[in-house]
Amino acid sequence: MGFHGYVGVQGRGVVALPAEVRRRLHLDQPGAQVEITEREDGVLELRPSLPIPADQHWFWTQRWQDREREVDQHVAAGDLTVHCDGSALLEHLEALEDAEPS
């Protein structure tokens, strides 16, 4: 379970989320929003809403994007091997592994 506690409601209805929660849920990033749902039982549900879904955040890290650009350069240069199916790919990988010096 994550955060449980109280936050104050400021003038004009402003609620400040704790910094640890904002960081963990990536709500400290540009474009982040919070979806609010009022349930019939009076409970307010808050859900993070990000320009990039949190479960895909890893893909947009600098390191991953650098690697994506590297792959794009290999593809543009024709430095790739196409396999007709998964078995052919596995055979190719095994052959590469066998060819590596021990």
N, C-alpha and C. Protein backbone atom coordinates (compact mmCIF):
# COMPACT_ATOMS: atom_id res chain seq x y z
N MET A 1 0.85 -1.19 0.00
CA MET A 1 0.00 0.00 0.00
C MET A 1 0.89 1.23 0.00
N GLY A 2 0.42 2.25 -0.69
CA GLY A 2 1.18 3.49 -0.78
C GLY A 2 0.84 4.45 0.34
N PHE A 3 0.82 5.69 0.00
CA PHE A 3 0.60 6.78 0.97
C PHE A 3 -0.79 6.69 1.60
N HIS A 4 -0.86 6.95 2.88
CA HIS A 4 -2.13 7.15 3.57
C HIS A 4 -1.92 8.28 4.55
N GLY A 5 -2.73 9.29 4.46
CA GLY A 5 -2.60 10.44 5.35
C GLY A 5 -3.57 11.52 4.97
N TYR A 6 -3.34 12.69 5.47
CA TYR A 6 -4.24 13.82 5.24
C TYR A 6 -3.49 14.94 4.53
N VAL A 7 -4.20 15.63 3.65
CA VAL A 7 -3.68 16.83 3.02
C VAL A 7 -4.72 17.92 3.19
N GLY A 8 -4.27 19.14 3.30
CA GLY A 8 -5.19 20.26 3.48
C GLY A 8 -5.80 20.70 2.17
N VAL A 9 -6.97 21.29 2.27
CA VAL A 9 -7.62 21.90 1.11
C VAL A 9 -7.43 23.40 1.26
N GLN A 10 -6.69 23.99 0.34
CA GLN A 10 -6.36 25.40 0.39
C GLN A 10 -7.44 26.23 -0.30
N GLY A 11 -7.23 27.52 -0.31
CA GLY A 11 -8.16 28.41 -0.99
C GLY A 11 -8.40 27.96 -2.42
N ARG A 12 -9.57 28.19 -2.93
CA ARG A 12 -9.99 27.80 -4.28
C ARG A 12 -9.95 26.29 -4.49
N GLY A 13 -9.92 25.51 -3.40
CA GLY A 13 -9.99 24.06 -3.50
C GLY A 13 -8.69 23.37 -3.90
N VAL A 14 -7.57 24.05 -3.78
CA VAL A 14 -6.28 23.47 -4.16
C VAL A 14 -5.85 22.44 -3.12
N VAL A 15 -5.46 21.26 -3.61
CA VAL A 15 -4.95 20.18 -2.75
C VAL A 15 -3.53 19.87 -3.22
N ALA A 16 -2.57 19.89 -2.31
CA ALA A 16 -1.18 19.60 -2.66
C ALA A 16 -0.87 18.15 -2.29
N LEU A 17 -0.48 17.36 -3.28
CA LEU A 17 -0.09 15.97 -3.02
C LEU A 17 1.31 15.94 -2.44
N PRO A 18 1.58 15.03 -1.51
CA PRO A 18 2.93 14.92 -0.94
C PRO A 18 3.98 14.67 -2.04
N ALA A 19 5.16 15.24 -1.86
CA ALA A 19 6.23 15.12 -2.86
C ALA A 19 6.56 13.67 -3.18
N GLU A 20 6.60 12.81 -2.17
CA GLU A 20 6.94 11.40 -2.42
C GLU A 20 5.92 10.73 -3.34
N VAL A 21 4.65 11.10 -3.19
CA VAL A 21 3.60 10.55 -4.05
C VAL A 21 3.74 11.09 -5.47
N ARG A 22 3.99 12.39 -5.59
CA ARG A 22 4.17 12.98 -6.93
C ARG A 22 5.32 12.33 -7.66
N ARG A 23 6.43 12.12 -6.97
CA ARG A 23 7.60 11.49 -7.62
C ARG A 23 7.29 10.05 -8.02
N ARG A 24 6.74 9.28 -7.11
CA ARG A 24 6.50 7.85 -7.36
C ARG A 24 5.53 7.64 -8.52
N LEU A 25 4.52 8.50 -8.61
CA LEU A 25 3.51 8.36 -9.66
C LEU A 25 3.81 9.20 -10.89
N HIS A 26 5.00 9.84 -10.91
CA HIS A 26 5.45 10.66 -12.04
C HIS A 26 4.55 11.87 -12.28
N LEU A 27 3.90 12.34 -11.22
CA LEU A 27 3.05 13.51 -11.35
C LEU A 27 3.85 14.81 -11.29
N ASP A 28 5.16 14.69 -11.15
CA ASP A 28 6.03 15.87 -11.16
C ASP A 28 6.52 16.18 -12.58
N GLN A 29 6.00 15.47 -13.57
CA GLN A 29 6.43 15.67 -14.95
C GLN A 29 5.48 16.59 -15.68
N PRO A 30 5.99 17.33 -16.67
CA PRO A 30 5.13 18.24 -17.42
C PRO A 30 3.94 17.51 -18.05
N GLY A 31 2.80 18.13 -17.97
CA GLY A 31 1.60 17.56 -18.59
C GLY A 31 0.82 16.60 -17.71
N ALA A 32 1.37 16.27 -16.53
CA ALA A 32 0.68 15.32 -15.65
C ALA A 32 -0.60 15.96 -15.10
N GLN A 33 -1.62 15.13 -14.99
CA GLN A 33 -2.89 15.56 -14.43
C GLN A 33 -3.38 14.50 -13.47
N VAL A 34 -4.41 14.84 -12.71
CA VAL A 34 -5.05 13.89 -11.81
C VAL A 34 -6.52 13.82 -12.19
N GLU A 35 -6.98 12.61 -12.48
CA GLU A 35 -8.41 12.40 -12.75
C GLU A 35 -9.11 12.23 -11.40
N ILE A 36 -10.24 12.88 -11.22
CA ILE A 36 -10.98 12.77 -9.97
C ILE A 36 -12.38 12.24 -10.26
N THR A 37 -12.79 11.26 -9.46
CA THR A 37 -14.13 10.68 -9.58
C THR A 37 -14.80 10.75 -8.22
N GLU A 38 -16.00 11.33 -8.18
CA GLU A 38 -16.78 11.34 -6.95
C GLU A 38 -17.74 10.17 -7.00
N ARG A 39 -17.57 9.25 -6.05
CA ARG A 39 -18.45 8.09 -5.99
C ARG A 39 -19.72 8.41 -5.22
N GLU A 40 -20.73 7.58 -5.39
CA GLU A 40 -22.01 7.80 -4.71
C GLU A 40 -21.88 7.74 -3.19
N ASP A 41 -20.87 6.98 -2.69
CA ASP A 41 -20.70 6.87 -1.24
C ASP A 41 -19.89 8.02 -0.66
N GLY A 42 -19.59 9.04 -1.47
CA GLY A 42 -18.88 10.22 -0.98
C GLY A 42 -17.36 10.13 -1.06
N VAL A 43 -16.84 9.01 -1.53
CA VAL A 43 -15.39 8.84 -1.66
C VAL A 43 -14.92 9.54 -2.94
N LEU A 44 -13.82 10.27 -2.82
CA LEU A 44 -13.18 10.87 -3.98
C LEU A 44 -12.01 9.99 -4.40
N GLU A 45 -12.03 9.55 -5.63
CA GLU A 45 -10.94 8.73 -6.15
C GLU A 45 -10.05 9.61 -7.03
N LEU A 46 -8.77 9.55 -6.80
CA LEU A 46 -7.80 10.29 -7.61
C LEU A 46 -6.96 9.28 -8.38
N ARG A 47 -6.82 9.50 -9.68
CA ARG A 47 -5.98 8.62 -10.50
C ARG A 47 -5.00 9.47 -11.29
N PRO A 48 -3.73 9.08 -11.27
CA PRO A 48 -2.76 9.84 -12.08
C PRO A 48 -3.09 9.68 -13.56
N SER A 49 -2.95 10.74 -14.29
CA SER A 49 -3.16 10.73 -15.73
C SER A 49 -1.95 11.42 -16.34
N LEU A 50 -1.17 10.65 -17.05
CA LEU A 50 0.10 11.15 -17.58
C LEU A 50 0.06 11.20 -19.09
N PRO A 51 0.81 12.12 -19.69
CA PRO A 51 0.92 12.12 -21.14
C PRO A 51 1.48 10.79 -21.65
N ILE A 52 2.33 10.19 -20.81
CA ILE A 52 2.88 8.86 -21.09
C ILE A 52 2.41 7.97 -19.95
N PRO A 53 1.67 6.90 -20.25
CA PRO A 53 1.22 6.02 -19.17
C PRO A 53 2.40 5.52 -18.33
N ALA A 54 2.20 5.45 -17.03
CA ALA A 54 3.27 5.08 -16.11
C ALA A 54 3.91 3.74 -16.45
N ASP A 55 3.12 2.78 -16.93
CA ASP A 55 3.69 1.47 -17.25
C ASP A 55 4.50 1.48 -18.55
N GLN A 56 4.51 2.60 -19.26
CA GLN A 56 5.32 2.74 -20.47
C GLN A 56 6.44 3.77 -20.30
N HIS A 57 6.58 4.27 -19.10
CA HIS A 57 7.55 5.33 -18.83
C HIS A 57 8.98 4.89 -19.17
N TRP A 58 9.30 3.64 -18.90
CA TRP A 58 10.65 3.11 -19.15
C TRP A 58 11.05 3.35 -20.60
N PHE A 59 10.10 3.23 -21.54
CA PHE A 59 10.42 3.35 -22.95
C PHE A 59 10.92 4.75 -23.30
N TRP A 60 10.48 5.75 -22.55
CA TRP A 60 10.81 7.12 -22.87
C TRP A 60 11.99 7.66 -22.07
N THR A 61 12.69 6.80 -21.34
CA THR A 61 13.90 7.24 -20.64
C THR A 61 14.98 7.56 -21.67
N GLN A 62 15.89 8.43 -21.29
CA GLN A 62 16.96 8.84 -22.20
C GLN A 62 17.76 7.63 -22.68
N ARG A 63 18.10 6.73 -21.77
CA ARG A 63 18.90 5.55 -22.13
C ARG A 63 18.18 4.71 -23.18
N TRP A 64 16.87 4.45 -22.97
CA TRP A 64 16.14 3.62 -23.91
C TRP A 64 16.00 4.31 -25.26
N GLN A 65 15.76 5.61 -25.26
CA GLN A 65 15.63 6.33 -26.53
C GLN A 65 16.96 6.36 -27.29
N ASP A 66 18.07 6.46 -26.56
CA ASP A 66 19.39 6.38 -27.21
C ASP A 66 19.55 5.04 -27.90
N ARG A 67 19.12 3.98 -27.23
CA ARG A 67 19.22 2.63 -27.82
C ARG A 67 18.30 2.48 -29.02
N GLU A 68 17.11 3.08 -28.96
CA GLU A 68 16.19 3.04 -30.10
C GLU A 68 16.82 3.73 -31.31
N ARG A 69 17.47 4.89 -31.09
CA ARG A 69 18.13 5.59 -32.19
C ARG A 69 19.27 4.75 -32.77
N GLU A 70 19.98 4.05 -31.90
CA GLU A 70 21.07 3.18 -32.36
C GLU A 70 20.52 2.08 -33.28
N VAL A 71 19.41 1.48 -32.89
CA VAL A 71 18.78 0.45 -33.72
C VAL A 71 18.33 1.05 -35.04
N ASP A 72 17.72 2.24 -35.00
CA ASP A 72 17.28 2.89 -36.23
C ASP A 72 18.44 3.12 -37.19
N GLN A 73 19.61 3.47 -36.65
CA GLN A 73 20.80 3.67 -37.49
C GLN A 73 21.23 2.36 -38.15
N HIS A 74 21.19 1.26 -37.38
CA HIS A 74 21.54 -0.05 -37.95
C HIS A 74 20.57 -0.43 -39.06
N VAL A 75 19.29 -0.21 -38.84
CA VAL A 75 18.28 -0.55 -39.85
C VAL A 75 18.48 0.31 -41.10
N ALA A 76 18.71 1.61 -40.92
CA ALA A 76 18.92 2.51 -42.06
C ALA A 76 20.15 2.11 -42.86
N ALA A 77 21.17 1.59 -42.18
CA ALA A 77 22.40 1.18 -42.86
C ALA A 77 22.28 -0.23 -43.46
N GLY A 78 21.16 -0.89 -43.21
CA GLY A 78 20.97 -2.25 -43.73
C GLY A 78 21.73 -3.29 -42.93
N ASP A 79 22.20 -2.91 -41.76
CA ASP A 79 22.98 -3.81 -40.90
C ASP A 79 22.02 -4.61 -40.02
N LEU A 80 21.34 -5.58 -40.65
CA LEU A 80 20.38 -6.39 -39.91
C LEU A 80 20.19 -7.73 -40.61
N THR A 81 19.60 -8.64 -39.91
CA THR A 81 19.28 -9.96 -40.45
C THR A 81 17.80 -10.21 -40.22
N VAL A 82 17.09 -10.64 -41.27
CA VAL A 82 15.66 -10.93 -41.18
C VAL A 82 15.50 -12.44 -41.08
N HIS A 83 14.68 -12.86 -40.13
CA HIS A 83 14.40 -14.28 -39.94
C HIS A 83 12.94 -14.56 -40.25
N CYS A 84 12.69 -15.72 -40.84
CA CYS A 84 11.32 -16.03 -41.26
C CYS A 84 10.41 -16.39 -40.09
N ASP A 85 11.00 -16.83 -38.99
CA ASP A 85 10.17 -17.16 -37.83
C ASP A 85 11.04 -17.20 -36.56
N GLY A 86 10.41 -17.46 -35.44
CA GLY A 86 11.11 -17.48 -34.16
C GLY A 86 12.16 -18.56 -34.07
N SER A 87 11.90 -19.71 -34.67
CA SER A 87 12.88 -20.80 -34.63
C SER A 87 14.17 -20.40 -35.34
N ALA A 88 14.02 -19.75 -36.49
CA ALA A 88 15.20 -19.31 -37.23
C ALA A 88 15.99 -18.28 -36.43
N LEU A 89 15.29 -17.41 -35.75
CA LEU A 89 15.96 -16.42 -34.90
C LEU A 89 16.74 -17.10 -33.78
N LEU A 90 16.11 -18.06 -33.12
CA LEU A 90 16.79 -18.78 -32.03
C LEU A 90 18.01 -19.52 -32.53
N GLU A 91 17.91 -20.15 -33.70
CA GLU A 91 19.08 -20.84 -34.28
C GLU A 91 20.21 -19.85 -34.56
N HIS A 92 19.86 -18.68 -35.08
CA HIS A 92 20.85 -17.64 -35.36
C HIS A 92 21.53 -17.20 -34.07
N LEU A 93 20.76 -16.97 -33.02
CA LEU A 93 21.31 -16.53 -31.73
C LEU A 93 22.21 -17.60 -31.14
N GLU A 94 21.81 -18.85 -31.25
CA GLU A 94 22.65 -19.96 -30.75
C GLU A 94 23.97 -20.02 -31.50
N ALA A 95 23.92 -19.82 -32.79
CA ALA A 95 25.14 -19.84 -33.61
C ALA A 95 26.07 -18.70 -33.21
N LEU A 96 25.51 -17.54 -32.94
CA LEU A 96 26.32 -16.41 -32.48
C LEU A 96 26.96 -16.72 -31.14
N GLU A 97 26.17 -17.33 -30.25
CA GLU A 97 26.68 -17.68 -28.92
C GLU A 97 27.81 -18.70 -29.02
N ASP A 98 27.64 -19.69 -29.91
CA ASP A 98 28.67 -20.71 -30.09
C ASP A 98 29.95 -20.14 -30.68
N ALA A 99 29.80 -19.08 -31.48
CA ALA A 99 30.96 -18.47 -32.14
C ALA A 99 31.74 -17.54 -31.22
N GLU A 100 31.15 -17.15 -30.08
CA GLU A 100 31.84 -16.25 -29.15
C GLU A 100 33.03 -16.96 -28.51
N PRO A 101 34.15 -16.24 -28.37
CA PRO A 101 35.31 -16.85 -27.68
C PRO A 101 35.00 -17.04 -26.21
N SER A 102 35.45 -18.14 -25.65
CA SER A 102 35.19 -18.44 -24.24
C SER A 102 36.13 -17.71 -23.32
